[in-house]
Amino acid sequence: MEILKRFERYVEDNKLFSKDEKILVAVSGGRDSMLLLWLLHQLYYPVEIAHCNFQLRGEESDADEQLVRGFAVANEIPIHVQRFDTTGYAATHKVSIQIAARELRYGWFERLRMERGCKVIAVAQHMNDSVETVLFNLSRGTGLQGLQGILPLRDDSHVVRPLLFLHSEEITDFVQNQGIPYRDDSSNFSNKYARNKIRLDIIPEFEQLNPHFIRIMADNIARFRDAQEVINNHMQELRSQIMIARSDHSWRIAKEELEHLQLSELYFMFEPFGFSKTVLQDLLESLHKDSGKQFASDTYIIVTDREDVILSKKNMDLEPVHIDLATTRVEWGAFQIEITGNSDLAIENGAGIAKIDTASLVYPLTIRQWEEGDTFQPLGMNGKKKLSDYFIQKKINILDKKRVPILVNGDGKIIWVVNYHLDERFKIRDNTQKVLKLVCNLK
């Protein structure tokens, strides 16, 4: 049969799975998922069924479950069924029923996939679903990325979609001709939901203009993907040239490099980090103003420095590390600190070396990030200084100061701004008998 051959070719061309890998098939009981299950079973792929009963349609939901169970038993296919309190979940998490159902099913699918040793989760979205996604994204406002439709496989997911080559009419004709059992979900025929309205009301209007609208759009989507790939390749090359890695998820970019870019180039360059064009326009306008300005997306932050801008992932807070008498080495952030106790009182120069009078120590010591309100007494000074003022004096930007290790005594006093300045109260004195030596290096 032609569809069987096309299915095998699509799976192979997109490298979705092989017959050596067990597949968890999401089966609702509708025509799309029943066709997917039937195709996989006919082609002898090792499969297991995952069916969700969201208990939203009463007897209809139960009838869907019975249909899927019956097919599984008749064809000796392992089946897993999960019933969800979808309404309760939506109320507790303050999300819509649609979002609740999505979170519940994909969370369960992934747990089940790992428990059962399945390589992928196969779901039955098709060509029409991909077109609906593009129209939905356009209605809300989107860039080229939002015109990619539904991908058969994403790098960050175990979910595959092997039916995207099929039009919904082909699916209906095939399941009816083959006598594949299925049930229609009555909620799919209500235009209460945005996607249903697109499918039931908007797409038929386009089909009045062009009966082949879905296939034309599928071709357009393929061209959008090609264009996106060209842009991605160019932007990846540009990033590798001007973004200098400082650490994991943090880069430095010279301001002069950004000045040569058009706003559209800047947008595509920063697109993976979630920045809008409006924010990036503000960034361009700030390049010659005072440093320290911040620009944020949901997951990343940009801070302007004197000659550069710094891009870093948000919420990169580091957990404190404790040091007791037996500790000889600790790691914190990008640093490792070697710790030794001895009676060598000779002063050693070097930003990464500190020698501390052990008589002044209260254990456990702690290495942590700076905190608002921190003060210390820099070596050689009589009075205290706010750590925030010290960072400004040293021209340490807001992102970097979170990565400076602060060594704190058990009584809360700062001992050492690591790699920068020792506190006067912990220096070697004339009556010092024993010292704690700390040497800090990059890992």
Protein backbone atom coordinates (compact mmCIF):
# COMPACT_ATOMS: atom_id res chain seq x y z
CA MET A 1 0.00 0.00 0.00
CA GLU A 2 1.26 3.46 -0.92
CA ILE A 3 0.76 5.01 2.54
CA LEU A 4 2.80 2.25 4.18
CA LYS A 5 5.70 2.95 1.80
CA ARG A 6 5.43 6.72 2.26
CA PHE A 7 5.33 6.25 6.02
CA GLU A 8 8.49 4.12 6.01
CA ARG A 9 10.27 6.61 3.76
CA TYR A 10 9.28 9.57 5.96
CA VAL A 11 10.51 7.79 9.10
CA GLU A 12 13.78 6.89 7.40
CA ASP A 13 14.37 10.31 5.79
CA ASN A 14 13.86 12.09 9.10
CA LYS A 15 15.72 9.46 11.17
CA LEU A 16 12.84 9.18 13.65
CA PHE A 17 13.38 5.60 14.88
CA SER A 18 14.33 2.11 13.76
CA LYS A 19 12.94 -1.39 14.19
CA ASP A 20 15.60 -2.04 16.81
CA GLU A 21 14.06 0.60 19.09
CA LYS A 22 10.89 0.26 21.13
CA ILE A 23 8.33 3.00 20.52
CA LEU A 24 5.77 4.37 22.96
CA VAL A 25 2.72 5.34 20.89
CA ALA A 26 0.32 7.97 22.24
CA VAL A 27 -3.13 6.68 21.26
CA SER A 28 -6.28 8.66 22.04
CA GLY A 29 -8.63 6.48 20.00
CA GLY A 30 -9.12 9.10 17.27
CA ARG A 31 -8.54 8.33 13.61
CA ASP A 32 -5.05 9.90 13.52
CA SER A 33 -3.54 8.01 16.44
CA MET A 34 -5.29 4.75 15.50
CA LEU A 35 -3.77 5.02 12.01
CA LEU A 36 -0.33 5.66 13.49
CA LEU A 37 -0.65 2.61 15.73
CA TRP A 38 -1.93 0.49 12.84
CA LEU A 39 0.95 1.51 10.55
CA LEU A 40 3.59 0.77 13.18
CA HIS A 41 2.00 -2.59 13.98
CA GLN A 42 1.68 -3.54 10.30
CA LEU A 43 5.36 -2.76 9.74
CA TYR A 44 6.42 -4.81 12.80
CA TYR A 45 7.85 -1.96 14.83
CA PRO A 46 8.07 -2.90 18.54
CA VAL A 47 5.44 -0.70 20.19
CA GLU A 48 3.64 -0.10 23.46
CA ILE A 49 0.48 1.98 23.81
CA ALA A 50 -0.01 4.94 26.15
CA HIS A 51 -3.63 6.10 26.54
CA CYS A 52 -4.75 9.08 28.63
CA ASN A 53 -8.28 9.28 30.02
CA PHE A 54 -8.71 12.91 31.06
CA GLN A 55 -12.23 12.22 32.40
CA LEU A 56 -13.60 15.34 30.72
CA ARG A 57 -16.31 13.82 28.50
CA GLY A 58 -17.88 11.24 30.78
CA GLU A 59 -19.00 8.14 28.88
CA GLU A 60 -17.25 9.34 25.71
CA SER A 61 -13.86 9.28 27.46
CA ASP A 62 -14.55 5.80 28.81
CA ALA A 63 -15.62 4.59 25.36
CA ASP A 64 -12.36 5.90 23.87
CA GLU A 65 -10.44 3.94 26.49
CA GLN A 66 -12.37 0.75 25.76
CA LEU A 67 -11.72 1.08 22.01
CA VAL A 68 -7.97 1.41 22.54
CA ARG A 69 -7.91 -1.43 25.08
CA GLY A 70 -9.81 -3.66 22.66
CA PHE A 71 -7.38 -2.98 19.80
CA ALA A 72 -4.42 -3.63 22.10
CA VAL A 73 -5.81 -6.96 23.31
CA ALA A 74 -6.80 -8.10 19.81
CA ASN A 75 -3.32 -7.36 18.47
CA GLU A 76 -1.37 -8.42 21.60
CA ILE A 77 0.17 -4.98 22.10
CA PRO A 78 1.21 -3.90 25.63
CA ILE A 79 -0.97 -1.02 26.82
CA HIS A 80 -0.73 1.52 29.64
CA VAL A 81 -3.72 3.62 30.67
CA GLN A 82 -3.65 6.63 32.99
CA ARG A 83 -6.72 8.44 34.33
CA PHE A 84 -6.23 12.09 35.24
CA ASP A 85 -8.16 14.54 37.38
CA THR A 86 -7.65 17.17 34.71
CA THR A 87 -10.13 19.68 36.13
CA GLY A 88 -8.55 19.47 39.57
CA TYR A 89 -5.05 19.89 38.14
CA ALA A 90 -6.13 22.95 36.14
CA ALA A 91 -7.66 24.56 39.23
CA THR A 92 -4.66 23.81 41.45
CA HIS A 93 -2.11 25.07 38.94
CA LYS A 94 -4.30 27.92 37.65
CA VAL A 95 -4.03 26.92 34.00
CA SER A 96 -6.57 26.20 31.26
CA ILE A 97 -7.98 22.72 30.73
CA GLN A 98 -6.02 22.47 27.48
CA ILE A 99 -2.71 23.35 29.14
CA ALA A 100 -3.49 21.03 32.05
CA ALA A 101 -4.15 18.11 29.70
CA ARG A 102 -0.94 18.82 27.78
CA GLU A 103 1.22 19.01 30.91
CA LEU A 104 -0.33 15.87 32.37
CA ARG A 105 0.00 13.73 29.26
CA TYR A 106 3.52 14.71 28.24
CA GLY A 107 4.79 14.44 31.80
CA TRP A 108 3.34 10.94 32.06
CA PHE A 109 4.52 9.95 28.57
CA GLU A 110 8.13 10.84 29.42
CA ARG A 111 8.06 9.00 32.75
CA LEU A 112 6.53 5.96 31.07
CA ARG A 113 9.03 6.11 28.20
CA MET A 114 11.93 5.89 30.64
CA GLU A 115 10.29 3.18 32.77
CA ARG A 116 9.56 0.99 29.74
CA GLY A 117 12.86 1.57 27.95
CA CYS A 118 11.29 3.16 24.88
CA LYS A 119 13.45 5.24 22.55
CA VAL A 120 10.79 7.74 21.49
CA ILE A 121 7.19 8.83 22.03
CA ALA A 122 5.26 8.81 18.75
CA VAL A 123 2.31 11.20 18.42
CA ALA A 124 -0.08 11.51 15.50
CA GLN A 125 -0.02 15.15 14.42
CA HIS A 126 -0.40 15.55 10.65
CA MET A 127 0.01 18.11 7.87
CA ASN A 128 -3.16 20.03 8.76
CA ASP A 129 -2.04 20.35 12.38
CA SER A 130 1.22 21.92 11.21
CA VAL A 131 -0.60 24.46 9.05
CA GLU A 132 -2.99 25.28 11.92
CA THR A 133 0.03 25.93 14.15
CA VAL A 134 1.47 28.44 11.67
CA LEU A 135 -1.85 30.26 11.33
CA PHE A 136 -2.24 30.32 15.12
CA ASN A 137 1.26 31.78 15.52
CA LEU A 138 0.57 34.39 12.84
CA SER A 139 -2.60 35.44 14.65
CA ARG A 140 -0.59 36.15 17.80
CA GLY A 141 2.42 37.71 16.08
CA THR A 142 5.55 35.77 15.21
CA GLY A 143 8.85 35.84 13.39
CA LEU A 144 10.27 33.37 10.92
CA GLN A 145 10.80 30.85 13.72
CA GLY A 146 7.04 30.69 14.29
CA LEU A 147 6.45 29.79 10.64
CA GLN A 148 8.31 26.47 10.89
CA GLY A 149 5.14 24.52 11.69
CA ILE A 150 5.45 21.29 13.67
CA LEU A 151 8.81 19.56 13.34
CA PRO A 152 9.01 15.76 12.99
CA LEU A 153 11.74 15.70 15.65
CA ARG A 154 13.28 18.29 17.93
CA ASP A 155 16.79 18.07 19.37
CA ASP A 156 15.54 18.70 22.92
CA SER A 157 12.74 16.13 22.91
CA HIS A 158 12.01 12.41 22.62
CA VAL A 159 8.69 13.13 20.87
CA VAL A 160 8.44 12.23 17.17
CA ARG A 161 5.66 12.98 14.70
CA PRO A 162 5.69 10.46 11.84
CA LEU A 163 2.39 11.51 10.16
CA LEU A 164 3.27 15.08 9.16
CA PHE A 165 3.46 14.03 5.50
CA LEU A 166 -0.26 13.13 5.48
CA HIS A 167 -3.25 15.39 4.80
CA SER A 168 -6.20 14.80 7.16
CA GLU A 169 -8.39 13.78 4.20
CA GLU A 170 -5.93 11.01 3.30
CA ILE A 171 -6.08 9.77 6.88
CA THR A 172 -9.88 9.68 6.91
CA ASP A 173 -10.08 7.89 3.55
CA PHE A 174 -7.45 5.33 4.55
CA VAL A 175 -8.83 4.37 7.97
CA GLN A 176 -12.32 4.01 6.53
CA ASN A 177 -11.14 1.92 3.57
CA GLN A 178 -9.04 -0.33 5.83
CA GLY A 179 -11.72 -0.63 8.49
CA ILE A 180 -9.40 0.68 11.22
CA PRO A 181 -11.55 1.36 14.30
CA TYR A 182 -11.61 4.90 15.71
CA ARG A 183 -13.81 7.32 17.61
CA ASP A 184 -14.40 11.03 16.98
CA ASP A 185 -13.84 13.40 19.90
CA SER A 186 -16.91 15.65 20.06
CA SER A 187 -14.83 18.52 21.50
CA ASN A 188 -12.98 18.72 18.16
CA PHE A 189 -16.16 20.04 16.54
CA SER A 190 -16.60 22.99 18.90
CA ASN A 191 -15.08 26.33 17.88
CA LYS A 192 -14.77 27.34 21.54
CA TYR A 193 -11.01 26.75 21.28
CA ALA A 194 -8.78 28.92 19.07
CA ARG A 195 -7.25 26.01 17.15
CA ASN A 196 -10.66 24.50 16.45
CA LYS A 197 -11.87 27.86 15.15
CA ILE A 198 -8.90 27.97 12.78
CA ARG A 199 -9.64 24.43 11.57
CA LEU A 200 -13.44 24.73 11.36
CA ASP A 201 -13.94 28.34 10.27
CA ILE A 202 -10.78 29.96 8.92
CA ILE A 203 -9.11 27.24 6.84
CA PRO A 204 -12.34 26.48 4.90
CA GLU A 205 -12.39 30.15 3.85
CA PHE A 206 -8.86 29.84 2.46
CA GLU A 207 -9.89 26.63 0.71
CA GLN A 208 -12.59 28.61 -1.07
CA LEU A 209 -9.74 30.61 -2.62
CA ASN A 210 -7.55 27.57 -3.24
CA PRO A 211 -8.80 24.00 -2.67
CA HIS A 212 -5.18 22.91 -2.22
CA PHE A 213 -4.52 25.46 0.54
CA ILE A 214 -3.17 22.92 3.08
CA ARG A 215 -0.64 21.44 0.65
CA ILE A 216 0.37 24.90 -0.60
CA MET A 217 0.94 25.97 3.00
CA ALA A 218 2.96 22.81 3.68
CA ASP A 219 5.21 23.75 0.75
CA ASN A 220 5.49 27.30 2.12
CA ILE A 221 6.45 25.93 5.53
CA ALA A 222 9.23 23.88 3.91
CA ARG A 223 10.57 27.07 2.29
CA PHE A 224 10.35 28.95 5.59
CA ARG A 225 12.44 26.19 7.18
CA ASP A 226 15.02 26.43 4.40
CA ALA A 227 15.27 30.19 4.93
CA GLN A 228 15.59 29.71 8.68
CA GLU A 229 18.38 27.18 8.16
CA VAL A 230 20.36 29.65 6.03
CA ILE A 231 19.92 32.35 8.68
CA ASN A 232 20.83 29.95 11.49
CA ASN A 233 24.05 28.93 9.73
CA HIS A 234 25.03 32.55 9.13
CA MET A 235 24.20 33.56 12.70
CA GLN A 236 26.09 30.62 14.16
CA GLU A 237 29.18 31.71 12.23
CA LEU A 238 28.71 35.30 13.41
CA ARG A 239 28.30 34.22 17.04
CA SER A 240 31.47 32.14 16.88
CA GLN A 241 33.36 35.19 15.58
CA ILE A 242 32.24 37.87 18.04
CA MET A 243 30.94 36.10 21.17
CA ILE A 244 33.81 35.28 23.53
CA ALA A 245 32.91 32.66 26.13
CA ARG A 246 33.51 33.72 29.73
CA SER A 247 32.02 30.61 31.32
CA ASP A 248 29.12 28.25 30.69
CA HIS A 249 26.11 30.32 29.53
CA SER A 250 28.03 33.62 29.62
CA TRP A 251 29.72 35.58 26.80
CA ARG A 252 31.45 38.91 26.22
CA ILE A 253 30.84 40.88 22.99
CA ALA A 254 32.76 44.01 22.02
CA LYS A 255 30.45 47.01 21.58
CA GLU A 256 32.15 47.92 18.30
CA GLU A 257 31.11 44.53 16.87
CA LEU A 258 27.45 45.26 17.63
CA GLU A 259 27.62 48.77 16.17
CA HIS A 260 28.23 47.29 12.71
CA LEU A 261 25.07 45.16 12.82
CA GLN A 262 21.64 46.12 11.55
CA LEU A 263 18.75 45.67 13.97
CA SER A 264 17.46 42.67 11.98
CA GLU A 265 20.88 40.97 12.23
CA LEU A 266 21.01 41.71 15.94
CA TYR A 267 17.55 40.18 16.36
CA PHE A 268 18.49 36.92 14.63
CA MET A 269 21.78 36.77 16.50
CA PHE A 270 20.07 37.04 19.89
CA GLU A 271 16.91 35.11 18.91
CA PRO A 272 17.97 31.87 20.71
CA PHE A 273 18.24 33.89 23.92
CA GLY A 274 14.69 35.25 23.74
CA PHE A 275 15.27 38.99 23.26
CA SER A 276 12.63 41.06 21.45
CA LYS A 277 13.41 43.63 18.76
CA THR A 278 12.25 46.42 21.06
CA VAL A 279 14.74 45.41 23.76
CA LEU A 280 17.56 45.09 21.22
CA GLN A 281 16.75 48.54 19.78
CA ASP A 282 17.13 49.93 23.31
CA LEU A 283 20.43 48.05 23.62
CA LEU A 284 21.80 49.63 20.44
CA GLU A 285 20.84 53.09 21.65
CA SER A 286 22.60 52.51 24.99
CA LEU A 287 25.99 51.42 23.62
CA HIS A 288 27.54 54.89 24.01
CA LYS A 289 25.88 55.71 27.32
CA ASP A 290 26.94 54.87 30.87
CA SER A 291 27.79 51.23 31.53
CA GLY A 292 25.75 49.03 33.83
CA LYS A 293 22.48 49.14 31.90
CA GLN A 294 20.56 45.86 31.90
CA PHE A 295 18.31 44.26 29.29
CA ALA A 296 16.42 41.06 30.03
CA SER A 297 14.56 38.27 28.27
CA ASP A 298 12.76 35.52 30.16
CA THR A 299 15.94 33.48 30.50
CA TYR A 300 18.93 35.73 29.75
CA ILE A 301 20.28 39.15 30.70
CA ILE A 302 22.54 41.60 28.85
CA VAL A 303 24.63 44.11 30.82
CA THR A 304 26.60 46.92 29.19
CA ASP A 305 30.19 47.26 30.38
CA ARG A 306 32.80 49.87 29.41
CA GLU A 307 33.95 48.37 26.10
CA ASP A 308 31.74 45.28 25.92
CA VAL A 309 28.30 43.90 26.56
CA ILE A 310 27.94 40.76 28.63
CA LEU A 311 25.30 38.13 27.90
CA SER A 312 24.55 35.66 30.68
CA LYS A 313 21.89 33.19 31.67
CA LYS A 314 19.60 34.35 34.45
CA ASN A 315 19.39 32.72 37.86
CA MET A 316 22.99 31.54 37.92
CA ASP A 317 23.10 31.72 41.71
CA LEU A 318 25.67 29.41 43.27
CA GLU A 319 25.08 27.46 46.45
CA PRO A 320 27.34 28.27 49.43
CA VAL A 321 30.18 25.85 50.20
CA HIS A 322 31.24 25.19 53.79
CA ILE A 323 34.80 24.63 55.01
CA ASP A 324 35.69 22.81 58.23
CA LEU A 325 39.01 22.02 59.88
CA ALA A 326 39.51 18.89 57.75
CA THR A 327 38.79 20.54 54.37
CA THR A 328 41.76 20.67 52.01
CA ARG A 329 40.06 21.62 48.75
CA VAL A 330 36.76 23.16 47.64
CA GLU A 331 35.20 24.07 44.30
CA TRP A 332 32.85 27.00 43.78
CA GLY A 333 31.73 28.31 40.43
CA ALA A 334 34.67 28.44 38.04
CA PHE A 335 37.22 28.21 40.86
CA GLN A 336 38.97 25.64 42.99
CA ILE A 337 40.65 26.57 46.26
CA GLU A 338 43.43 24.56 47.88
CA ILE A 339 43.60 24.88 51.68
CA THR A 340 46.62 24.10 53.90
CA GLY A 341 47.50 24.90 57.49
CA ASN A 342 51.13 25.65 58.43
CA SER A 343 53.42 27.90 60.45
CA ASP A 344 55.08 29.62 57.48
CA LEU A 345 54.47 33.31 58.25
CA ALA A 346 56.23 34.65 55.14
CA ILE A 347 54.05 37.03 53.14
CA GLU A 348 53.28 35.75 49.63
CA ASN A 349 52.20 38.06 46.85
CA GLY A 350 49.51 37.10 44.37
CA ALA A 351 45.84 37.93 43.92
CA GLY A 352 44.89 34.27 44.23
CA ILE A 353 46.79 33.66 47.50
CA ALA A 354 45.64 34.49 51.02
CA LYS A 355 47.35 33.75 54.33
CA ILE A 356 45.10 34.07 57.36
CA ASP A 357 45.80 34.09 61.08
CA THR A 358 44.06 30.90 62.29
CA ALA A 359 43.49 32.40 65.74
CA SER A 360 40.89 34.73 64.21
CA LEU A 361 38.88 31.96 62.54
CA VAL A 362 35.53 30.56 63.66
CA TYR A 363 34.50 27.36 61.87
CA PRO A 364 32.78 26.47 59.67
CA LEU A 365 33.93 28.99 57.10
CA THR A 366 31.71 29.61 54.07
CA ILE A 367 32.31 30.53 50.44
CA ARG A 368 29.30 32.28 48.93
CA GLN A 369 28.19 35.04 46.57
CA TRP A 370 28.14 38.65 47.73
CA GLU A 371 24.96 39.80 49.42
CA GLU A 372 23.34 43.22 49.58
CA GLY A 373 24.66 45.03 52.65
CA ASP A 374 27.98 43.13 52.82
CA THR A 375 30.83 45.14 54.35
CA PHE A 376 34.48 44.39 55.05
CA GLN A 377 37.65 46.15 56.20
CA PRO A 378 40.08 46.08 53.27
CA LEU A 379 43.67 45.27 54.21
CA GLY A 380 45.48 48.49 55.12
CA MET A 381 42.32 50.47 55.94
CA ASN A 382 40.98 51.51 59.33
CA GLY A 383 37.29 51.72 58.46
CA LYS A 384 34.76 49.44 56.82
CA LYS A 385 33.71 49.57 53.19
CA LYS A 386 30.54 48.37 51.50
CA LEU A 387 31.34 45.49 49.19
CA SER A 388 29.06 47.00 46.54
CA ASP A 389 31.14 50.21 46.59
CA TYR A 390 34.33 48.16 46.40
CA PHE A 391 33.04 46.39 43.28
CA ILE A 392 32.22 49.73 41.66
CA GLN A 393 35.70 51.01 42.51
CA LYS A 394 37.22 47.90 40.92
CA LYS A 395 34.89 48.28 37.90
CA ILE A 396 33.37 44.84 38.46
CA ASN A 397 30.01 44.68 36.66
CA ILE A 398 26.77 43.39 38.14
CA LEU A 399 27.12 39.94 36.55
CA ASP A 400 30.77 39.39 37.44
CA LYS A 401 30.34 40.37 41.06
CA LYS A 402 27.99 37.40 41.50
CA ARG A 403 30.85 35.15 40.42
CA VAL A 404 33.41 36.52 42.87
CA PRO A 405 33.83 34.03 45.75
CA ILE A 406 33.43 35.63 49.18
CA LEU A 407 35.11 33.77 52.07
CA VAL A 408 33.14 34.35 55.27
CA ASN A 409 34.08 33.55 58.86
CA GLY A 410 31.80 31.53 61.12
CA ASP A 411 30.85 34.76 62.94
CA GLY A 412 29.68 36.36 59.67
CA LYS A 413 32.69 38.60 59.02
CA ILE A 414 34.13 38.63 55.51
CA ILE A 415 37.67 37.19 55.50
CA TRP A 416 38.64 37.49 51.85
CA VAL A 417 37.15 38.87 48.67
CA VAL A 418 38.76 36.02 46.79
CA ASN A 419 41.33 37.05 44.18
CA TYR A 420 40.91 40.71 45.18
CA HIS A 421 41.40 41.76 48.79
CA LEU A 422 41.99 40.31 52.27
CA ASP A 423 40.21 41.76 55.29
CA GLU A 424 42.48 43.68 57.71
CA ARG A 425 41.10 41.74 60.70
CA PHE A 426 42.44 38.40 59.41
CA LYS A 427 45.97 39.35 58.36
CA ILE A 428 49.16 37.82 59.79
CA ARG A 429 50.26 39.74 62.91
CA ASP A 430 53.41 39.85 65.06
CA ASN A 431 51.90 37.32 67.48
CA THR A 432 50.54 34.97 64.78
CA GLN A 433 51.67 31.39 65.34
CA LYS A 434 49.80 29.48 62.65
CA VAL A 435 48.29 30.41 59.31
CA LEU A 436 45.69 29.03 56.96
CA LYS A 437 46.88 29.31 53.38
CA LEU A 438 44.37 29.41 50.53
CA VAL A 439 45.33 29.29 46.85
CA CYS A 440 42.60 29.97 44.30
CA ASN A 441 42.84 28.89 40.66
CA LEU A 442 40.47 28.46 37.76
CA LYS A 443 39.19 24.91 37.44
